[in-house]
Amino acid sequence: MSIRGDKGMTLGECNLVVSKNSLFVRVVGMIDELQARIGLCRVRLKGEENKNFEDIEKDLYQIMGSLYKGLEWSKGEKRVKDIELKIKFYNKKFDKSDRFLVPGKNELEVRLNFCRTGCRLAEEELVFLKEKNEKEKLYFDGNILKYINKLSTYFYLMLRDELK
């Protein structure tokens, strides 16, 4: 039973008690929301793509843990490179033109777009946290921000592939 939560407080970065309205709690909450969106999408995927999404969900749990501890995400550099490879794979399928997509022909398109927009929201909050940490001279793992940014591109390209 949580007593702190009843008072609007929770454990935050480095296990310090913080307000549930703190930037840190909002960042972790957006990453948690993104993880839920990815799970919602994953139930519609099969084979390798399902496994990729499961790995992404696990990454997000590790990211949240790294943020809570104020430590480097141990797999960050490798996972950024992994996502970059997936982006290269999809980029080979398309011309370089940017275009707006209008998902809605099928449920998977909508779910992929939901994941993409969740990345954008999490990325915005991470940028605020990064800037705050820089100002306060606290540690921030840049690989977390890179990963979420590239994840958004990955979902966009998957969506684009689904729409073709």
N, C-alpha and C. Protein backbone atom coordinates (compact mmCIF):
# COMPACT_ATOMS: atom_id res chain seq x y z
N MET A 1 0.84 -1.17 0.00
CA MET A 1 0.00 0.00 0.00
C MET A 1 0.90 1.24 0.00
N SER A 2 0.57 2.20 -0.85
CA SER A 2 1.38 3.41 -0.99
C SER A 2 0.80 4.55 -0.18
N ILE A 3 1.57 5.00 0.77
CA ILE A 3 1.15 6.15 1.58
C ILE A 3 1.61 7.44 0.89
N ARG A 4 2.84 7.42 0.35
CA ARG A 4 3.36 8.61 -0.34
C ARG A 4 2.43 9.03 -1.47
N GLY A 5 1.94 8.04 -2.23
CA GLY A 5 1.08 8.33 -3.38
C GLY A 5 -0.19 9.05 -3.00
N ASP A 6 -0.70 8.74 -1.83
CA ASP A 6 -1.91 9.42 -1.35
C ASP A 6 -1.67 10.91 -1.13
N LYS A 7 -0.41 11.27 -0.94
CA LYS A 7 -0.06 12.67 -0.68
C LYS A 7 0.53 13.33 -1.93
N GLY A 8 0.46 12.64 -3.08
CA GLY A 8 0.98 13.21 -4.32
C GLY A 8 2.48 13.09 -4.48
N MET A 9 3.09 12.19 -3.75
CA MET A 9 4.54 12.00 -3.80
C MET A 9 4.84 10.57 -4.25
N THR A 10 6.06 10.39 -4.79
CA THR A 10 6.50 9.06 -5.21
C THR A 10 8.01 9.02 -5.19
N LEU A 11 8.58 7.83 -5.40
CA LEU A 11 10.04 7.73 -5.51
C LEU A 11 10.44 8.17 -6.91
N GLY A 12 11.45 9.00 -6.99
CA GLY A 12 11.93 9.51 -8.27
C GLY A 12 13.38 9.18 -8.49
N GLU A 13 14.02 9.98 -9.30
CA GLU A 13 15.42 9.78 -9.67
C GLU A 13 16.28 9.59 -8.43
N CYS A 14 17.15 8.60 -8.50
CA CYS A 14 18.05 8.24 -7.40
C CYS A 14 17.28 7.91 -6.12
N ASN A 15 16.04 7.43 -6.28
CA ASN A 15 15.18 7.02 -5.17
C ASN A 15 14.86 8.16 -4.19
N LEU A 16 14.87 9.38 -4.69
CA LEU A 16 14.46 10.52 -3.86
C LEU A 16 12.95 10.68 -3.93
N VAL A 17 12.34 11.10 -2.86
CA VAL A 17 10.91 11.33 -2.85
C VAL A 17 10.64 12.64 -3.60
N VAL A 18 9.76 12.56 -4.61
CA VAL A 18 9.45 13.73 -5.44
C VAL A 18 7.94 13.84 -5.64
N SER A 19 7.51 15.01 -6.05
CA SER A 19 6.10 15.24 -6.37
C SER A 19 5.73 14.46 -7.64
N LYS A 20 4.51 13.96 -7.66
CA LYS A 20 4.03 13.29 -8.87
C LYS A 20 3.86 14.27 -10.03
N ASN A 21 3.99 15.56 -9.75
CA ASN A 21 3.92 16.59 -10.76
C ASN A 21 5.31 16.98 -11.27
N SER A 22 6.34 16.29 -10.82
CA SER A 22 7.71 16.65 -11.21
C SER A 22 7.97 16.27 -12.66
N LEU A 23 8.92 16.96 -13.26
CA LEU A 23 9.32 16.65 -14.63
C LEU A 23 9.78 15.21 -14.75
N PHE A 24 10.55 14.75 -13.78
CA PHE A 24 11.05 13.38 -13.82
C PHE A 24 9.91 12.38 -13.88
N VAL A 25 8.89 12.56 -13.07
CA VAL A 25 7.76 11.63 -13.05
C VAL A 25 7.01 11.71 -14.38
N ARG A 26 6.88 12.90 -14.97
CA ARG A 26 6.23 13.02 -16.28
C ARG A 26 7.01 12.28 -17.35
N VAL A 27 8.34 12.38 -17.32
CA VAL A 27 9.18 11.68 -18.30
C VAL A 27 8.98 10.17 -18.19
N VAL A 28 9.11 9.66 -16.99
CA VAL A 28 8.95 8.21 -16.80
C VAL A 28 7.53 7.79 -17.17
N GLY A 29 6.55 8.61 -16.84
CA GLY A 29 5.17 8.31 -17.20
C GLY A 29 4.96 8.24 -18.71
N MET A 30 5.61 9.14 -19.46
CA MET A 30 5.47 9.11 -20.92
C MET A 30 6.15 7.88 -21.51
N ILE A 31 7.27 7.49 -20.94
CA ILE A 31 7.95 6.27 -21.42
C ILE A 31 7.10 5.05 -21.09
N ASP A 32 6.49 5.04 -19.92
CA ASP A 32 5.58 3.96 -19.54
C ASP A 32 4.39 3.91 -20.49
N GLU A 33 3.84 5.06 -20.82
CA GLU A 33 2.74 5.15 -21.79
C GLU A 33 3.17 4.61 -23.16
N LEU A 34 4.38 4.98 -23.59
CA LEU A 34 4.90 4.49 -24.86
C LEU A 34 5.03 2.97 -24.84
N GLN A 35 5.52 2.43 -23.75
CA GLN A 35 5.65 0.97 -23.63
C GLN A 35 4.29 0.30 -23.76
N ALA A 36 3.27 0.88 -23.17
CA ALA A 36 1.92 0.32 -23.28
C ALA A 36 1.41 0.38 -24.72
N ARG A 37 1.69 1.48 -25.42
CA ARG A 37 1.29 1.61 -26.82
C ARG A 37 1.97 0.56 -27.69
N ILE A 38 3.23 0.30 -27.40
CA ILE A 38 3.98 -0.69 -28.18
C ILE A 38 3.40 -2.09 -27.93
N GLY A 39 3.04 -2.37 -26.68
CA GLY A 39 2.39 -3.66 -26.39
C GLY A 39 1.08 -3.81 -27.12
N LEU A 40 0.32 -2.72 -27.21
CA LEU A 40 -0.95 -2.73 -27.94
C LEU A 40 -0.73 -3.04 -29.42
N CYS A 41 0.34 -2.53 -29.97
CA CYS A 41 0.67 -2.79 -31.38
C CYS A 41 1.21 -4.21 -31.56
N ARG A 42 2.04 -4.63 -30.61
CA ARG A 42 2.71 -5.93 -30.73
C ARG A 42 1.73 -7.09 -30.86
N VAL A 43 0.56 -6.99 -30.26
CA VAL A 43 -0.40 -8.10 -30.34
C VAL A 43 -0.87 -8.33 -31.78
N ARG A 44 -0.65 -7.37 -32.67
CA ARG A 44 -1.04 -7.52 -34.08
C ARG A 44 0.12 -7.94 -34.98
N LEU A 45 1.30 -8.14 -34.39
CA LEU A 45 2.49 -8.48 -35.17
C LEU A 45 2.84 -9.95 -34.97
N LYS A 46 3.50 -10.50 -35.96
CA LYS A 46 3.91 -11.90 -35.91
C LYS A 46 5.41 -12.00 -36.17
N GLY A 47 5.97 -13.12 -35.79
CA GLY A 47 7.35 -13.44 -36.13
C GLY A 47 8.37 -12.44 -35.63
N GLU A 48 9.27 -12.07 -36.53
CA GLU A 48 10.39 -11.20 -36.18
C GLU A 48 9.93 -9.83 -35.70
N GLU A 49 8.92 -9.26 -36.33
CA GLU A 49 8.45 -7.94 -35.89
C GLU A 49 7.88 -7.99 -34.48
N ASN A 50 7.19 -9.07 -34.12
CA ASN A 50 6.69 -9.22 -32.76
C ASN A 50 7.86 -9.25 -31.78
N LYS A 51 8.89 -10.01 -32.12
CA LYS A 51 10.09 -10.10 -31.28
C LYS A 51 10.77 -8.75 -31.17
N ASN A 52 10.87 -7.99 -32.29
CA ASN A 52 11.46 -6.65 -32.26
C ASN A 52 10.71 -5.76 -31.28
N PHE A 53 9.39 -5.81 -31.33
CA PHE A 53 8.59 -4.97 -30.44
C PHE A 53 8.72 -5.40 -28.99
N GLU A 54 8.83 -6.69 -28.75
CA GLU A 54 9.06 -7.17 -27.39
C GLU A 54 10.40 -6.65 -26.87
N ASP A 55 11.43 -6.68 -27.73
CA ASP A 55 12.74 -6.15 -27.34
C ASP A 55 12.66 -4.66 -27.03
N ILE A 56 11.87 -3.93 -27.81
CA ILE A 56 11.70 -2.50 -27.56
C ILE A 56 11.01 -2.27 -26.21
N GLU A 57 10.01 -3.08 -25.92
CA GLU A 57 9.35 -2.96 -24.61
C GLU A 57 10.34 -3.19 -23.47
N LYS A 58 11.19 -4.19 -23.63
CA LYS A 58 12.21 -4.47 -22.61
C LYS A 58 13.19 -3.31 -22.51
N ASP A 59 13.56 -2.73 -23.66
CA ASP A 59 14.43 -1.56 -23.66
C ASP A 59 13.83 -0.43 -22.83
N LEU A 60 12.54 -0.20 -23.01
CA LEU A 60 11.89 0.91 -22.31
C LEU A 60 11.87 0.67 -20.80
N TYR A 61 11.70 -0.59 -20.38
CA TYR A 61 11.78 -0.90 -18.95
C TYR A 61 13.18 -0.60 -18.42
N GLN A 62 14.20 -0.97 -19.20
CA GLN A 62 15.59 -0.70 -18.79
C GLN A 62 15.85 0.80 -18.74
N ILE A 63 15.31 1.54 -19.72
CA ILE A 63 15.47 2.99 -19.74
C ILE A 63 14.86 3.61 -18.49
N MET A 64 13.64 3.20 -18.15
CA MET A 64 13.01 3.73 -16.94
C MET A 64 13.86 3.42 -15.71
N GLY A 65 14.41 2.21 -15.64
CA GLY A 65 15.28 1.85 -14.51
C GLY A 65 16.54 2.69 -14.47
N SER A 66 17.13 2.94 -15.63
CA SER A 66 18.33 3.79 -15.70
C SER A 66 18.02 5.20 -15.25
N LEU A 67 16.87 5.72 -15.68
CA LEU A 67 16.48 7.06 -15.27
C LEU A 67 16.27 7.12 -13.75
N TYR A 68 15.60 6.12 -13.19
CA TYR A 68 15.36 6.11 -11.75
C TYR A 68 16.67 6.08 -10.97
N LYS A 69 17.63 5.33 -11.46
CA LYS A 69 18.90 5.20 -10.75
C LYS A 69 19.86 6.35 -11.06
N GLY A 70 19.56 7.13 -12.11
CA GLY A 70 20.46 8.20 -12.51
C GLY A 70 21.74 7.66 -13.12
N LEU A 71 21.63 6.52 -13.80
CA LEU A 71 22.80 5.84 -14.37
C LEU A 71 22.69 5.71 -15.88
N GLU A 72 23.80 5.37 -16.48
CA GLU A 72 23.86 5.11 -17.92
C GLU A 72 23.02 3.88 -18.25
N TRP A 73 22.32 3.93 -19.40
CA TRP A 73 21.61 2.76 -19.91
C TRP A 73 22.66 1.85 -20.53
N SER A 74 22.90 0.70 -19.91
CA SER A 74 24.03 -0.15 -20.29
C SER A 74 23.98 -0.63 -21.74
N LYS A 75 22.79 -0.82 -22.29
CA LYS A 75 22.68 -1.31 -23.67
C LYS A 75 22.41 -0.19 -24.66
N GLY A 76 22.46 1.06 -24.20
CA GLY A 76 22.04 2.19 -25.01
C GLY A 76 22.72 2.30 -26.37
N GLU A 77 24.03 2.31 -26.38
CA GLU A 77 24.76 2.49 -27.64
C GLU A 77 24.44 1.38 -28.63
N LYS A 78 24.42 0.14 -28.16
CA LYS A 78 24.11 -0.99 -29.03
C LYS A 78 22.69 -0.92 -29.58
N ARG A 79 21.74 -0.59 -28.72
CA ARG A 79 20.34 -0.56 -29.16
C ARG A 79 20.06 0.60 -30.12
N VAL A 80 20.77 1.73 -29.96
CA VAL A 80 20.64 2.82 -30.93
C VAL A 80 21.11 2.32 -32.30
N LYS A 81 22.23 1.61 -32.33
CA LYS A 81 22.75 1.07 -33.61
C LYS A 81 21.79 0.05 -34.20
N ASP A 82 21.18 -0.77 -33.36
CA ASP A 82 20.21 -1.76 -33.84
C ASP A 82 19.02 -1.08 -34.52
N ILE A 83 18.50 -0.02 -33.91
CA ILE A 83 17.36 0.70 -34.49
C ILE A 83 17.79 1.40 -35.78
N GLU A 84 19.00 1.92 -35.82
CA GLU A 84 19.50 2.56 -37.04
C GLU A 84 19.54 1.58 -38.20
N LEU A 85 19.91 0.32 -37.92
CA LEU A 85 19.91 -0.72 -38.96
C LEU A 85 18.50 -0.99 -39.48
N LYS A 86 17.53 -1.02 -38.59
CA LYS A 86 16.15 -1.24 -39.00
C LYS A 86 15.65 -0.07 -39.86
N ILE A 87 16.06 1.13 -39.49
CA ILE A 87 15.68 2.32 -40.27
C ILE A 87 16.29 2.25 -41.67
N LYS A 88 17.54 1.84 -41.76
CA LYS A 88 18.20 1.70 -43.07
C LYS A 88 17.46 0.68 -43.93
N PHE A 89 17.03 -0.42 -43.32
CA PHE A 89 16.29 -1.45 -44.05
C PHE A 89 15.04 -0.85 -44.67
N TYR A 90 14.26 -0.13 -43.89
CA TYR A 90 13.02 0.46 -44.40
C TYR A 90 13.29 1.60 -45.38
N ASN A 91 14.32 2.39 -45.12
CA ASN A 91 14.62 3.51 -46.02
C ASN A 91 14.94 3.05 -47.44
N LYS A 92 15.49 1.87 -47.57
CA LYS A 92 15.81 1.33 -48.90
C LYS A 92 14.56 1.09 -49.73
N LYS A 93 13.42 0.95 -49.07
CA LYS A 93 12.16 0.65 -49.76
C LYS A 93 11.50 1.89 -50.36
N PHE A 94 11.91 3.09 -49.90
CA PHE A 94 11.17 4.30 -50.26
C PHE A 94 12.06 5.33 -50.91
N ASP A 95 11.42 6.23 -51.67
CA ASP A 95 12.15 7.40 -52.15
C ASP A 95 12.37 8.32 -50.96
N LYS A 96 13.14 9.35 -51.13
CA LYS A 96 13.52 10.21 -50.01
C LYS A 96 12.48 11.28 -49.68
N SER A 97 11.38 11.31 -50.40
CA SER A 97 10.39 12.37 -50.14
C SER A 97 9.70 12.16 -48.79
N ASP A 98 9.57 13.26 -48.08
CA ASP A 98 8.78 13.24 -46.85
C ASP A 98 7.33 13.49 -47.22
N ARG A 99 6.44 12.80 -46.56
CA ARG A 99 5.03 13.04 -46.83
C ARG A 99 4.24 12.74 -45.57
N PHE A 100 3.11 13.40 -45.48
CA PHE A 100 2.22 13.13 -44.37
C PHE A 100 1.46 11.86 -44.66
N LEU A 101 1.23 11.09 -43.63
CA LEU A 101 0.50 9.84 -43.78
C LEU A 101 -0.85 9.98 -43.10
N VAL A 102 -1.83 9.33 -43.69
CA VAL A 102 -3.17 9.34 -43.11
C VAL A 102 -3.56 7.89 -42.83
N PRO A 103 -3.16 7.38 -41.66
CA PRO A 103 -3.49 6.00 -41.33
C PRO A 103 -4.97 5.85 -41.01
N GLY A 104 -5.46 4.67 -41.24
CA GLY A 104 -6.86 4.40 -40.91
C GLY A 104 -7.47 3.31 -41.77
N LYS A 105 -6.70 2.82 -42.74
CA LYS A 105 -7.24 1.74 -43.57
C LYS A 105 -7.34 0.43 -42.80
N ASN A 106 -6.43 0.26 -41.82
CA ASN A 106 -6.52 -0.96 -41.01
C ASN A 106 -6.01 -0.66 -39.60
N GLU A 107 -6.29 -1.58 -38.72
CA GLU A 107 -5.98 -1.39 -37.30
C GLU A 107 -4.48 -1.29 -37.04
N LEU A 108 -3.66 -2.04 -37.77
CA LEU A 108 -2.22 -2.00 -37.55
C LEU A 108 -1.66 -0.62 -37.86
N GLU A 109 -2.15 0.02 -38.92
CA GLU A 109 -1.69 1.38 -39.24
C GLU A 109 -1.96 2.32 -38.07
N VAL A 110 -3.14 2.25 -37.53
CA VAL A 110 -3.51 3.13 -36.42
C VAL A 110 -2.63 2.85 -35.21
N ARG A 111 -2.38 1.59 -34.92
CA ARG A 111 -1.55 1.23 -33.77
C ARG A 111 -0.11 1.68 -33.96
N LEU A 112 0.43 1.53 -35.17
CA LEU A 112 1.79 2.01 -35.45
C LEU A 112 1.87 3.52 -35.29
N ASN A 113 0.86 4.22 -35.77
CA ASN A 113 0.85 5.67 -35.64
C ASN A 113 0.75 6.08 -34.17
N PHE A 114 0.00 5.32 -33.41
CA PHE A 114 -0.12 5.56 -31.97
C PHE A 114 1.25 5.41 -31.29
N CYS A 115 2.03 4.42 -31.73
CA CYS A 115 3.39 4.24 -31.20
C CYS A 115 4.28 5.41 -31.61
N ARG A 116 4.18 5.83 -32.85
CA ARG A 116 4.99 6.95 -33.35
C ARG A 116 4.72 8.22 -32.55
N THR A 117 3.44 8.52 -32.34
CA THR A 117 3.11 9.75 -31.61
C THR A 117 3.51 9.64 -30.14
N GLY A 118 3.46 8.43 -29.59
CA GLY A 118 3.93 8.23 -28.21
C GLY A 118 5.42 8.52 -28.08
N CYS A 119 6.18 8.15 -29.11
CA CYS A 119 7.62 8.46 -29.11
C CYS A 119 7.84 9.96 -29.11
N ARG A 120 7.07 10.67 -29.91
CA ARG A 120 7.24 12.13 -29.98
C ARG A 120 6.95 12.78 -28.63
N LEU A 121 5.90 12.32 -27.95
CA LEU A 121 5.58 12.87 -26.64
C LEU A 121 6.68 12.56 -25.61
N ALA A 122 7.15 11.34 -25.62
CA ALA A 122 8.23 10.96 -24.69
C ALA A 122 9.50 11.75 -25.00
N GLU A 123 9.78 11.94 -26.27
CA GLU A 123 10.98 12.69 -26.67
C GLU A 123 10.91 14.14 -26.18
N GLU A 124 9.75 14.76 -26.30
CA GLU A 124 9.61 16.14 -25.81
C GLU A 124 9.92 16.23 -24.32
N GLU A 125 9.38 15.30 -23.55
CA GLU A 125 9.63 15.31 -22.11
C GLU A 125 11.10 15.02 -21.80
N LEU A 126 11.72 14.12 -22.57
CA LEU A 126 13.13 13.81 -22.36
C LEU A 126 14.01 15.04 -22.63
N VAL A 127 13.66 15.82 -23.64
CA VAL A 127 14.44 17.03 -23.93
C VAL A 127 14.36 17.99 -22.75
N PHE A 128 13.17 18.16 -22.17
CA PHE A 128 13.05 19.01 -20.99
C PHE A 128 13.93 18.49 -19.85
N LEU A 129 13.91 17.17 -19.64
CA LEU A 129 14.72 16.59 -18.56
C LEU A 129 16.21 16.78 -18.85
N LYS A 130 16.61 16.57 -20.08
CA LYS A 130 18.02 16.76 -20.47
C LYS A 130 18.46 18.19 -20.17
N GLU A 131 17.66 19.16 -20.59
CA GLU A 131 18.01 20.57 -20.35
C GLU A 131 18.06 20.89 -18.86
N LYS A 132 17.12 20.35 -18.10
CA LYS A 132 17.12 20.57 -16.64
C LYS A 132 18.37 19.96 -16.02
N ASN A 133 18.71 18.74 -16.42
CA ASN A 133 19.89 18.08 -15.86
C ASN A 133 21.17 18.83 -16.22
N GLU A 134 21.24 19.36 -17.46
CA GLU A 134 22.42 20.13 -17.84
C GLU A 134 22.55 21.38 -16.98
N LYS A 135 21.43 22.05 -16.76
CA LYS A 135 21.44 23.26 -15.95
C LYS A 135 21.87 22.96 -14.52
N GLU A 136 21.40 21.83 -14.00
CA GLU A 136 21.71 21.46 -12.60
C GLU A 136 22.96 20.59 -12.49
N LYS A 137 23.64 20.39 -13.64
CA LYS A 137 24.86 19.58 -13.70
C LYS A 137 24.65 18.15 -13.20
N LEU A 138 23.50 17.58 -13.59
CA LEU A 138 23.18 16.19 -13.27
C LEU A 138 23.42 15.33 -14.50
N TYR A 139 23.61 14.04 -14.29
CA TYR A 139 23.87 13.12 -15.40
C TYR A 139 22.62 12.90 -16.23
N PHE A 140 22.79 12.86 -17.55
CA PHE A 140 21.71 12.47 -18.47
C PHE A 140 22.34 11.63 -19.57
N ASP A 141 21.82 10.43 -19.79
CA ASP A 141 22.33 9.53 -20.82
C ASP A 141 21.74 9.91 -22.17
N GLY A 142 22.54 10.50 -23.03
CA GLY A 142 22.10 10.93 -24.35
C GLY A 142 21.61 9.80 -25.24
N ASN A 143 22.05 8.58 -24.97
CA ASN A 143 21.59 7.45 -25.78
C ASN A 143 20.09 7.20 -25.61
N ILE A 144 19.55 7.57 -24.48
CA ILE A 144 18.11 7.39 -24.26
C ILE A 144 17.33 8.29 -25.21
N LEU A 145 17.73 9.54 -25.30
CA LEU A 145 17.06 10.47 -26.21
C LEU A 145 17.25 10.05 -27.66
N LYS A 146 18.47 9.64 -28.03
CA LYS A 146 18.72 9.18 -29.40
C LYS A 146 17.82 7.99 -29.75
N TYR A 147 17.73 7.06 -28.82
CA TYR A 147 16.94 5.85 -29.06
C TYR A 147 15.47 6.18 -29.30
N ILE A 148 14.90 7.01 -28.44
CA ILE A 148 13.49 7.36 -28.58
C ILE A 148 13.26 8.12 -29.89
N ASN A 149 14.17 9.01 -30.24
CA ASN A 149 14.07 9.74 -31.51
C ASN A 149 14.08 8.78 -32.69
N LYS A 150 15.00 7.86 -32.69
CA LYS A 150 15.12 6.91 -33.80
C LYS A 150 13.95 5.93 -33.81
N LEU A 151 13.44 5.61 -32.65
CA LEU A 151 12.28 4.73 -32.55
C LEU A 151 11.08 5.35 -33.25
N SER A 152 10.92 6.65 -33.12
CA SER A 152 9.85 7.36 -33.80
C SER A 152 9.98 7.21 -35.32
N THR A 153 11.20 7.35 -35.82
CA THR A 153 11.45 7.18 -37.26
C THR A 153 11.14 5.74 -37.69
N TYR A 154 11.54 4.79 -36.89
CA TYR A 154 11.28 3.38 -37.18
C TYR A 154 9.78 3.12 -37.30
N PHE A 155 9.00 3.64 -36.35
CA PHE A 155 7.55 3.44 -36.42
C PHE A 155 6.95 4.15 -37.64
N TYR A 156 7.45 5.33 -37.95
CA TYR A 156 6.98 6.06 -39.14
C TYR A 156 7.22 5.23 -40.40
N LEU A 157 8.41 4.65 -40.52
CA LEU A 157 8.73 3.87 -41.72
C LEU A 157 7.94 2.57 -41.78
N MET A 158 7.70 1.95 -40.63
CA MET A 158 6.84 0.76 -40.62
C MET A 158 5.43 1.13 -41.07
N LEU A 159 4.95 2.25 -40.56
CA LEU A 159 3.62 2.74 -40.95
C LEU A 159 3.58 3.01 -42.44
N ARG A 160 4.60 3.67 -42.93
CA ARG A 160 4.67 3.97 -44.38
C ARG A 160 4.67 2.68 -45.19
N ASP A 161 5.40 1.68 -44.71
CA ASP A 161 5.43 0.39 -45.40
C ASP A 161 4.05 -0.26 -45.39
N GLU A 162 3.36 -0.14 -44.30
CA GLU A 162 2.02 -0.71 -44.16
C GLU A 162 1.03 -0.02 -45.09
N LEU A 163 1.23 1.27 -45.33
CA LEU A 163 0.31 2.07 -46.16
C LEU A 163 0.55 1.89 -47.67
N LYS A 164 1.69 1.35 -48.06
CA LYS A 164 1.98 1.28 -49.49
C LYS A 164 1.07 0.34 -50.25
